[in-house]
Protein backbone atom coordinates (compact mmCIF):
# COMPACT_ATOMS: atom_id res chain seq x y z
CA MET A 1 157.38 8.09 120.34
CA LYS A 2 154.26 9.84 119.27
CA ILE A 3 154.28 13.51 118.41
CA GLU A 4 152.01 14.38 121.33
CA LYS A 5 154.39 12.76 123.80
CA LEU A 6 157.38 14.55 122.28
CA LEU A 7 155.55 17.87 122.43
CA HIS A 8 154.62 17.22 126.04
CA LYS A 9 158.25 16.52 126.96
CA LEU A 10 159.40 19.61 125.12
CA GLN A 11 156.82 21.77 126.90
CA ALA A 12 157.88 20.34 130.27
CA PHE A 13 161.50 21.20 129.47
CA PHE A 14 160.67 24.82 128.67
CA ASP A 15 158.43 25.17 131.72
CA THR A 16 161.27 23.93 133.92
CA ASP A 17 163.61 26.53 132.43
CA LYS A 18 161.08 29.32 133.08
CA HIS A 19 160.53 28.05 136.62
CA LYS A 20 164.26 28.08 137.38
CA LYS A 21 164.64 31.63 136.06
CA ARG A 22 161.63 32.83 138.03
CA GLN A 23 162.97 31.15 141.16
CA HIS A 24 166.37 32.77 140.61
CA THR A 25 164.82 36.25 140.36
CA GLU A 26 162.71 35.68 143.47
CA GLU A 27 165.77 34.59 145.46
CA LEU A 28 167.68 37.61 144.21
CA LYS A 29 164.86 39.90 145.34
CA LYS A 30 164.89 38.30 148.81
CA ILE A 31 168.65 38.77 149.10
CA LEU A 32 168.37 42.42 148.03
CA LEU A 33 165.69 43.00 150.64
CA LYS A 34 167.87 41.45 153.35
CA LEU A 35 170.79 43.62 152.29
CA LYS A 36 168.59 46.72 152.42
CA LYS A 37 167.44 45.86 155.95
CA LYS A 38 171.02 45.24 157.02
CA GLU A 39 172.08 48.56 155.50
CA ARG A 40 169.39 50.41 157.46
CA LYS A 41 170.37 48.62 160.68
CA ILE A 42 174.05 49.51 160.27
CA THR A 43 173.20 53.11 159.35
CA LEU A 44 171.17 53.43 162.54
CA ALA A 45 173.98 51.91 164.62
CA LEU A 46 176.45 54.25 162.93
CA GLN A 47 174.38 57.27 163.93
CA GLN A 48 174.23 56.13 167.56
CA THR A 49 177.90 55.37 168.13
CA ASP A 50 180.76 57.69 169.11
CA ASP A 51 183.61 55.18 168.99
CA GLU A 52 185.96 55.97 166.09
CA SER A 53 186.92 52.36 165.45
CA LEU A 54 183.26 51.29 165.33
CA ILE A 55 182.43 54.18 163.02
CA GLU A 56 185.16 53.11 160.63
CA HIS A 57 184.02 49.49 160.83
CA TYR A 58 180.38 50.41 160.12
CA GLN A 59 181.37 52.65 157.22
CA THR A 60 183.37 49.83 155.66
CA GLU A 61 180.43 47.45 156.04
CA LEU A 62 178.08 50.00 154.49
CA LYS A 63 180.35 50.43 151.47
CA ILE A 64 180.46 46.68 150.93
CA ILE A 65 176.70 46.28 151.31
CA ARG A 66 175.98 49.17 148.94
CA VAL A 67 178.26 47.71 146.27
CA GLN A 68 176.61 44.30 146.65
CA ARG A 69 173.14 45.83 146.38
CA ILE A 70 174.08 47.81 143.28
CA LYS A 71 175.46 44.68 141.61
CA GLY A 72 172.36 42.70 142.56
CA ILE A 73 170.02 45.39 141.24
CA GLU A 74 171.95 45.50 137.96
CA VAL A 75 171.67 41.72 137.58
CA LEU A 76 167.95 41.85 138.34
CA GLN A 77 167.43 44.59 135.74
CA GLN A 78 169.37 42.58 133.16
CA LEU A 79 167.19 39.55 133.85
CA LYS A 80 164.05 41.65 133.42
CA GLU A 81 165.34 43.17 130.16
CA HIS A 82 166.28 39.72 128.86
CA LYS A 83 162.80 38.49 129.75
CA LYS A 84 161.19 41.39 127.83
CA THR A 85 163.27 40.78 124.72
CA ARG A 86 162.39 37.06 124.68
CA VAL A 87 158.64 37.70 124.88
C-alpha cells in the first residue's frame, strides 16, 4: 500500500472515533434534557396533589431522577475535560 492510502485510512479511523464520541455526548445531552423535563413535570404534579401515597411516589421518582441527572452531568463534564486535555 502506498503511504497516501495508509494515511487516508488512518485519518478515517480517527475521524470515526471522534464522530462516535461526539454522538455519545449529543445523546447524553438529549437524555439529560428529557430527565429535566420529566423532573419538572413530576414536581408540578407533586405540588397539585393531596394524596399521601401519590406524594410519596412522586418524591421517590424525583430522588431517582435527580440522582440520574447528577450522574449524567458528571459523565458529560468528564468527557468535556478529557476532550480539553487531548487537544
